[in-house]
Protein backbone atom coordinates (compact mmCIF):
# COMPACT_ATOMS: atom_id res chain seq x y z
CA MET A 1 229.60 71.36 101.78
CA GLU A 2 226.81 73.49 100.40
CA ALA A 3 225.14 72.36 97.23
CA LYS A 4 226.02 74.50 94.23
CA PRO A 5 222.99 76.26 92.70
CA LYS A 6 221.88 74.55 89.51
CA GLY A 7 223.73 75.90 86.51
CA GLU A 8 226.02 78.13 88.57
CA LEU A 9 229.10 77.22 86.55
CA THR A 10 227.44 76.82 83.16
CA SER A 11 229.26 79.02 80.66
CA GLU A 12 227.09 78.58 77.58
CA LYS A 13 223.45 78.43 76.57
CA GLU A 14 222.34 75.35 74.68
CA GLU A 15 219.13 74.48 72.92
CA ILE A 16 217.54 71.10 73.63
CA LYS A 17 217.02 69.23 70.36
CA PRO A 18 213.88 67.14 69.76
CA GLY A 19 214.04 63.83 71.61
CA VAL A 20 211.89 60.99 72.89
CA GLU A 21 210.62 59.58 76.15
CA ALA A 22 212.93 57.00 77.68
CA THR A 23 212.82 54.55 80.56
CA ILE A 24 216.18 53.37 81.90
CA THR A 25 216.25 50.46 84.37
CA ILE A 26 219.44 49.37 86.12
CA VAL A 27 219.39 45.56 86.09
CA TYR A 28 222.91 44.82 87.38
CA ASP A 29 224.86 46.82 89.94
CA ASN A 30 226.82 46.51 93.18
CA ASN A 31 224.73 49.23 94.85
CA ASN A 32 221.42 48.23 96.40
CA TYR A 33 218.13 49.87 95.48
CA ASP A 34 215.38 47.27 95.00
CA SER A 35 215.77 44.40 97.49
CA ARG A 36 213.98 41.98 95.14
CA LEU A 37 216.97 42.00 92.81
CA THR A 38 220.32 40.30 93.30
CA LEU A 39 223.25 42.56 94.12
CA ALA A 40 226.49 41.79 92.24
CA GLY A 41 229.66 43.52 91.07
CA GLY A 42 229.23 44.89 87.58
CA PHE A 43 226.81 47.02 85.59
CA SER A 44 223.97 46.68 83.11
CA CYS A 45 220.88 48.71 82.27
CA VAL A 46 217.98 48.45 79.85
CA VAL A 47 217.01 51.54 77.86
CA LYS A 48 213.45 51.46 76.54
CA LEU A 49 212.68 53.89 73.72
CA PRO A 50 209.51 54.11 71.61
CA GLU A 51 211.02 52.07 68.76
CA LYS A 52 214.09 50.46 70.29
CA THR A 53 215.09 48.55 73.44
CA ILE A 54 218.79 48.56 74.27
CA LEU A 55 220.76 46.45 76.74
CA PHE A 56 223.83 48.42 77.77
CA ASP A 57 226.47 46.08 79.21
CA THR A 58 225.58 42.66 80.60
CA GLY A 59 227.00 42.53 84.12
CA GLY A 60 229.34 39.76 85.22
CA ASP A 61 226.96 36.79 85.47
CA GLY A 62 224.28 35.86 82.96
CA THR A 63 222.12 33.97 85.45
CA ILE A 64 221.93 37.01 87.74
CA LEU A 65 221.33 39.32 84.77
CA LEU A 66 218.40 37.31 83.41
CA SER A 67 216.91 36.84 86.88
CA ASN A 68 217.03 40.57 87.58
CA VAL A 69 215.60 41.40 84.15
CA ALA A 70 212.66 39.10 84.85
CA LYS A 71 212.03 40.64 88.28
CA VAL A 72 211.55 44.09 86.74
CA ASP A 73 209.18 42.63 84.13
CA ILE A 74 211.42 43.08 81.13
CA ASP A 75 211.22 40.40 78.45
CA PRO A 76 214.70 39.61 77.03
CA GLU A 77 213.00 38.97 73.68
CA GLU A 78 212.04 42.67 73.53
CA ILE A 79 215.70 43.69 73.43
CA ASP A 80 216.97 44.28 69.90
CA THR A 81 220.30 46.01 70.53
CA VAL A 82 223.22 45.30 72.86
CA VAL A 83 225.95 47.88 73.48
CA LEU A 84 229.11 46.84 75.34
CA SER A 85 231.16 49.61 76.92
CA HIS A 86 234.49 47.87 77.49
CA ILE A 87 236.14 44.48 77.77
CA HIS A 88 236.07 43.91 81.55
CA GLY A 89 234.23 40.79 82.67
CA ASP A 90 231.89 42.59 85.06
CA HIS A 91 230.42 44.34 81.99
CA THR A 92 230.53 41.51 79.44
CA GLY A 93 230.27 38.29 81.51
CA GLY A 94 226.51 37.96 81.12
CA LEU A 95 226.53 38.20 77.34
CA ASP A 96 226.74 34.48 76.47
CA LYS A 97 223.70 33.49 78.56
CA PHE A 98 221.75 36.48 77.32
CA LEU A 99 222.43 35.47 73.70
CA LYS A 100 221.19 31.94 74.45
CA GLN A 101 217.94 33.58 75.50
CA ASN A 102 217.85 36.06 72.60
CA SER A 103 220.35 36.01 69.75
CA GLN A 104 218.22 38.15 67.42
CA VAL A 105 220.13 41.30 68.34
CA THR A 106 222.80 43.59 66.99
CA VAL A 107 225.80 43.81 69.32
CA TYR A 108 227.87 47.00 69.16
CA MET A 109 231.30 46.34 70.65
CA PRO A 110 234.57 48.27 70.59
CA LEU A 111 236.89 47.44 67.72
CA SER A 112 239.57 46.60 70.30
CA PHE A 113 237.64 43.57 71.61
CA PRO A 114 239.32 40.18 70.96
CA GLN A 115 238.49 38.59 67.62
CA SER A 116 237.59 35.36 69.41
CA MET A 117 234.84 37.13 71.35
CA LYS A 118 233.45 38.70 68.19
CA GLN A 119 233.39 35.29 66.52
CA ASN A 120 231.58 33.71 69.49
CA VAL A 121 228.89 36.38 69.29
CA LYS A 122 228.52 35.86 65.54
CA SER A 123 228.28 32.10 66.10
CA SER A 124 225.29 32.65 68.37
CA GLY A 125 223.40 34.20 65.45
CA ALA A 126 223.75 37.82 66.57
CA ILE A 127 225.05 40.60 64.32
CA VAL A 128 228.33 42.18 65.40
CA VAL A 129 229.12 45.81 64.66
CA GLU A 130 232.62 46.95 65.57
CA VAL A 131 232.86 50.50 66.90
CA HIS A 132 235.90 52.73 66.80
CA GLU A 133 234.77 56.21 65.80
CA PRO A 134 231.63 58.00 67.06
CA ARG A 135 228.54 56.91 65.17
CA GLN A 136 224.75 57.00 65.22
CA LEU A 137 223.20 53.64 66.10
CA THR A 138 219.60 54.62 65.34
CA ASP A 139 217.51 57.80 65.43
CA GLY A 140 218.63 59.82 68.45
CA VAL A 141 221.03 57.15 69.74
CA PHE A 142 224.80 57.47 69.42
CA THR A 143 228.10 56.13 70.70
CA THR A 144 231.10 58.24 71.61
CA GLY A 145 233.28 55.70 69.86
CA GLU A 146 235.99 54.00 71.88
CA LEU A 147 238.09 56.40 73.92
CA ASP A 148 241.43 55.41 75.43
CA GLY A 149 241.94 55.61 79.17
CA GLY A 150 244.21 52.62 79.63
CA VAL A 151 241.09 50.63 78.81
CA ARG A 152 239.28 51.45 75.57
CA GLU A 153 235.66 52.31 76.27
CA GLN A 154 232.57 53.69 74.56
CA SER A 155 229.55 55.42 76.11
CA LEU A 156 225.93 55.29 75.02
CA LEU A 157 224.24 58.61 74.18
CA VAL A 158 220.45 58.91 74.03
CA ARG A 159 218.67 62.06 72.87
CA THR A 160 215.59 62.35 75.10
CA SER A 161 212.80 64.90 75.49
CA ARG A 162 214.80 66.54 78.33
CA GLY A 163 218.19 66.54 76.66
CA LEU A 164 221.06 64.12 76.18
CA VAL A 165 221.53 61.12 78.48
CA VAL A 166 225.12 59.85 78.75
CA ILE A 167 225.44 56.28 80.06
CA THR A 168 228.88 55.03 81.05
CA GLY A 169 230.12 51.59 82.02
CA CYS A 170 233.17 52.53 84.08
CA ALA A 171 234.41 55.79 82.51
CA HIS A 172 238.01 54.59 82.41
CA PRO A 173 238.90 57.47 80.01
CA GLY A 174 237.54 59.91 82.64
CA ILE A 175 233.92 60.89 83.15
CA VAL A 176 234.62 64.53 82.28
CA ASN A 177 236.35 63.53 79.04
CA MET A 178 233.46 61.26 78.11
CA VAL A 179 230.89 64.01 78.67
CA LYS A 180 232.98 66.42 76.59
CA LYS A 181 233.07 63.85 73.80
CA ALA A 182 229.30 63.32 74.07
CA LYS A 183 228.69 67.04 73.61
CA GLU A 184 231.12 67.14 70.70
CA VAL A 185 229.42 64.19 68.97
CA THR A 186 225.83 65.40 69.36
CA GLY A 187 225.98 69.13 70.03
CA ASP A 188 223.29 68.55 72.68
CA LYS A 189 222.69 69.87 76.17
CA VAL A 190 223.42 67.08 78.67
CA TYR A 191 220.44 66.31 80.88
CA LEU A 192 221.74 63.25 82.75
CA VAL A 193 225.02 61.40 83.23
CA MET A 194 224.64 57.96 84.77
CA GLY A 195 226.57 54.73 85.33
CA GLY A 196 230.05 54.03 86.63
CA PHE A 197 232.22 57.11 87.16
CA HIS A 198 235.42 55.24 88.17
CA LEU A 199 236.06 57.43 91.23
CA ARG A 200 236.23 54.85 94.02
CA ARG A 201 239.87 55.62 94.85
CA ALA A 202 239.82 59.34 94.04
CA PHE A 203 240.92 62.00 96.56
CA PRO A 204 238.37 64.57 97.79
CA SER A 205 240.04 67.27 95.68
CA GLN A 206 239.69 65.08 92.58
CA LEU A 207 236.02 64.45 93.33
CA SER A 208 235.35 68.18 93.67
CA TYR A 209 237.21 68.84 90.43
CA VAL A 210 235.04 66.32 88.58
CA ALA A 211 231.77 67.62 90.05
CA GLU A 212 232.64 71.24 89.25
CA ASN A 213 233.64 70.36 85.70
CA LEU A 214 230.40 68.48 85.07
CA LEU A 215 228.48 71.53 86.27
CA HIS A 216 230.63 73.71 84.02
CA LEU A 217 229.74 71.45 81.08
CA GLY A 218 226.06 72.10 81.79
CA VAL A 219 225.19 68.64 83.15
CA GLU A 220 221.81 68.96 84.86
CA ARG A 221 221.49 65.65 86.70
CA VAL A 222 223.79 62.81 87.77
CA ALA A 223 223.18 59.20 88.80
CA PRO A 224 226.56 57.65 89.73
CA CYS A 225 226.64 53.96 90.60
CA HIS A 226 228.78 50.83 90.09
CA CYS A 227 232.44 51.92 90.43
CA SER A 228 231.73 55.53 91.43
CA GLY A 229 232.36 54.92 95.14
CA ASP A 230 230.46 55.99 98.25
CA ASP A 231 232.55 59.14 98.79
CA ALA A 232 231.86 60.32 95.25
CA ARG A 233 228.16 59.60 95.58
CA LYS A 234 227.97 61.67 98.78
CA LEU A 235 229.89 64.56 97.28
CA PHE A 236 227.85 64.58 94.08
CA LYS A 237 224.70 64.71 96.19
CA ASP A 238 226.09 67.83 97.89
CA TYR A 239 226.94 69.48 94.59
CA PHE A 240 223.82 68.58 92.62
CA GLY A 241 221.24 68.64 95.42
CA GLU A 242 217.79 67.66 94.17
CA ASN A 243 219.31 66.90 90.77
CA TYR A 244 221.27 64.00 92.25
CA ILE A 245 219.62 60.62 91.61
CA ASP A 246 220.26 57.88 94.15
CA CYS A 247 220.43 54.62 92.26
CA GLY A 248 221.40 50.98 92.32
CA VAL A 249 220.13 47.69 90.98
CA GLY A 250 216.42 47.93 90.21
CA LYS A 251 216.31 51.72 89.90
CA GLU A 252 214.04 52.94 87.12
CA ILE A 253 214.57 56.42 85.67
CA VAL A 254 211.71 57.68 83.51
CA ILE A 255 212.40 60.68 81.28
CA ARG A 256 209.44 62.39 79.64
């Protein structure tokens, strides 16, 4: 398949709003990138901004999470915000051990999470903020709010100097739907969509449909990992060409 020219299907012109530099490091994933880090099923990444450091999801095992974080020279004490995408254990399982290392954080979790889990987080000393509707977390950082796709899930949105970055855990509500919601919430041009795209069992026609729709929505770059699937990763590389980012655990994406 020939790669589609960048922006071929874009139907609208959008202005990039002022944003910041960002460094995003994948610290938990089932795709290999940096052999120093431990490979495991699940997802987590650290988003470093000038005035905020965010842990998005916590993988499935806290020992692996903290080990990987240390190997990429990130101090858990630097993290001040935790955002959990959805309830599945491969995205929340590392939370307890992380909070034992650093409980001086605000944890944004979907309203639909069990009350017992919210209470455990509060008992650790962390602040819990329940998320249902879209909201701004801090300057230039937003959540889509929890969307329903069988599993209720929120995505993290970061306004960078290149445009909006959309980070998904598994995209159970559909990666196209989540990008549409991100654009609706922020009104921004989407520079990068990264994380789990939930396409491991999708048919080739479904994969093409998703890739074409992301191009139509003006998405410039993609970095699928976790539950995206090898077939999807290959097809997205064909569609996005040099704007496809190969990633896995240990991958660092610097946006400036």
